[in-house]
């Protein structure tokens, strides 16, 4: 992937912000961030139902209402964008960088 200078500087700013973002997240939010990242990489739309299943598989059972609330918190922190209807939830650039760091730290 080729980066312009502006994109590279934005990416570096997002990396610095993602460090503090990860520290502010609770375990449930980290699981959801990881779930959105994993589902998106698999080409699957991260719906609330799929995130409930992902959380359950991660030994952190959450209800759809709990997922909804935590997604709102992640959106307020600028890590995800919730889509109406069947759009699911998408990571922002800041969320993607944070999820990558989370994935690397757990590997």
Protein backbone atom coordinates (compact mmCIF):
# COMPACT_ATOMS: atom_id res chain seq x y z
CA UNK A 1 0.00 0.00 0.00
CA UNK A 2 1.36 3.42 -0.96
CA UNK A 3 0.85 6.27 1.51
CA UNK A 4 0.84 9.98 0.85
CA UNK A 5 2.66 12.16 3.37
CA UNK A 6 -0.66 13.44 4.75
CA UNK A 7 -2.06 9.92 5.14
CA UNK A 8 1.14 8.77 6.82
CA UNK A 9 1.08 11.62 9.33
CA UNK A 10 -2.62 10.92 10.06
CA UNK A 11 -1.83 7.23 10.53
CA UNK A 12 0.98 8.06 12.95
CA UNK A 13 -1.33 10.38 14.93
CA UNK A 14 -3.92 7.59 15.07
CA UNK A 15 -1.27 5.17 16.35
CA UNK A 16 -0.35 7.55 19.18
CA UNK A 17 -4.02 8.09 20.06
CA UNK A 18 -4.75 4.35 19.96
CA UNK A 19 -2.23 3.72 22.76
CA UNK A 20 -4.23 5.85 25.17
CA UNK A 21 -7.52 4.53 23.76
CA UNK A 22 -6.64 0.93 24.61
CA UNK A 23 -5.73 1.86 28.17
CA UNK A 24 -9.15 3.46 28.69
CA UNK A 25 -11.14 0.41 27.53
CA UNK A 26 -12.69 -2.22 29.74
CA UNK A 27 -12.37 -5.95 29.03
CA UNK A 28 -15.80 -6.13 27.36
CA UNK A 29 -14.93 -3.26 25.04
CA UNK A 30 -11.58 -4.87 24.16
CA UNK A 31 -13.37 -8.13 23.32
CA UNK A 32 -15.82 -6.26 21.07
CA UNK A 33 -13.05 -4.31 19.35
CA UNK A 34 -11.19 -7.55 18.73
CA UNK A 35 -14.42 -9.17 17.48
CA UNK A 36 -15.19 -6.39 15.03
CA UNK A 37 -11.61 -6.57 13.75
CA UNK A 38 -11.68 -10.37 13.40
CA UNK A 39 -15.10 -10.52 11.73
CA UNK A 40 -14.21 -7.73 9.31
CA UNK A 41 -10.98 -9.50 8.32
CA UNK A 42 -13.05 -12.64 7.63
CA UNK A 43 -15.31 -10.61 5.34
CA UNK A 44 -18.28 -10.95 7.71
CA UNK A 45 -20.44 -7.99 8.74
CA UNK A 46 -20.03 -7.50 12.50
CA UNK A 47 -23.66 -7.44 13.66
CA UNK A 48 -24.66 -7.33 17.33
CA UNK A 49 -25.72 -10.98 17.15
CA UNK A 50 -22.33 -12.04 15.76
CA UNK A 51 -20.56 -9.95 18.39
CA UNK A 52 -22.61 -11.68 21.12
CA UNK A 53 -21.46 -15.02 19.68
CA UNK A 54 -17.85 -13.82 19.47
CA UNK A 55 -17.92 -12.63 23.09
CA UNK A 56 -19.40 -15.96 24.19
CA UNK A 57 -16.64 -17.84 22.36
CA UNK A 58 -14.13 -15.59 24.16
CA UNK A 59 -15.61 -16.68 27.52
CA UNK A 60 -17.13 -13.23 28.09
CA UNK A 61 -20.89 -13.68 27.69
CA UNK A 62 -22.68 -10.44 26.80
CA UNK A 63 -26.33 -9.81 25.96
CA UNK A 64 -27.31 -7.86 22.83
CA UNK A 65 -28.24 -4.93 25.09
CA UNK A 66 -24.79 -4.99 26.70
CA UNK A 67 -23.18 -5.12 23.25
CA UNK A 68 -25.34 -2.20 22.09
CA UNK A 69 -24.31 -0.09 25.10
CA UNK A 70 -20.61 -0.89 24.74
CA UNK A 71 -20.73 -0.14 21.01
CA UNK A 72 -22.13 3.29 21.89
CA UNK A 73 -19.18 3.80 24.24
CA UNK A 74 -16.73 2.73 21.52
CA UNK A 75 -18.41 5.10 19.09
CA UNK A 76 -18.12 7.99 21.57
CA UNK A 77 -14.39 7.24 21.82
CA UNK A 78 -14.08 7.41 18.02
CA UNK A 79 -13.15 3.74 17.57
CA UNK A 80 -16.23 2.50 15.66
CA UNK A 81 -19.05 3.76 13.46
CA UNK A 82 -22.43 2.08 13.84
CA UNK A 83 -24.40 1.66 10.63
CA UNK A 84 -28.17 1.62 10.44
CA UNK A 85 -29.91 -1.53 9.25
CA UNK A 86 -27.75 -4.35 7.97
CA UNK A 87 -24.60 -2.24 7.75
CA UNK A 88 -23.21 -3.57 11.02
CA UNK A 89 -20.41 -1.83 12.86
CA UNK A 90 -17.25 -0.59 11.20
CA UNK A 91 -13.91 0.36 12.69
CA UNK A 92 -12.71 3.92 12.21
CA UNK A 93 -9.06 4.38 11.26
CA UNK A 94 -8.31 5.02 14.95
CA UNK A 95 -10.23 1.84 15.86
CA UNK A 96 -8.42 -0.19 13.23
CA UNK A 97 -5.03 0.92 14.52
CA UNK A 98 -6.08 0.15 18.11
CA UNK A 99 -7.40 -3.29 17.09
CA UNK A 100 -4.17 -4.10 15.26
CA UNK A 101 -2.15 -3.16 18.35
CA UNK A 102 -4.47 -5.24 20.51
CA UNK A 103 -4.09 -8.20 18.15
CA UNK A 104 -0.30 -7.89 18.19
CA UNK A 105 -0.14 -7.58 21.97
CA UNK A 106 -2.20 -10.76 22.40
CA UNK A 107 -0.12 -12.78 19.93
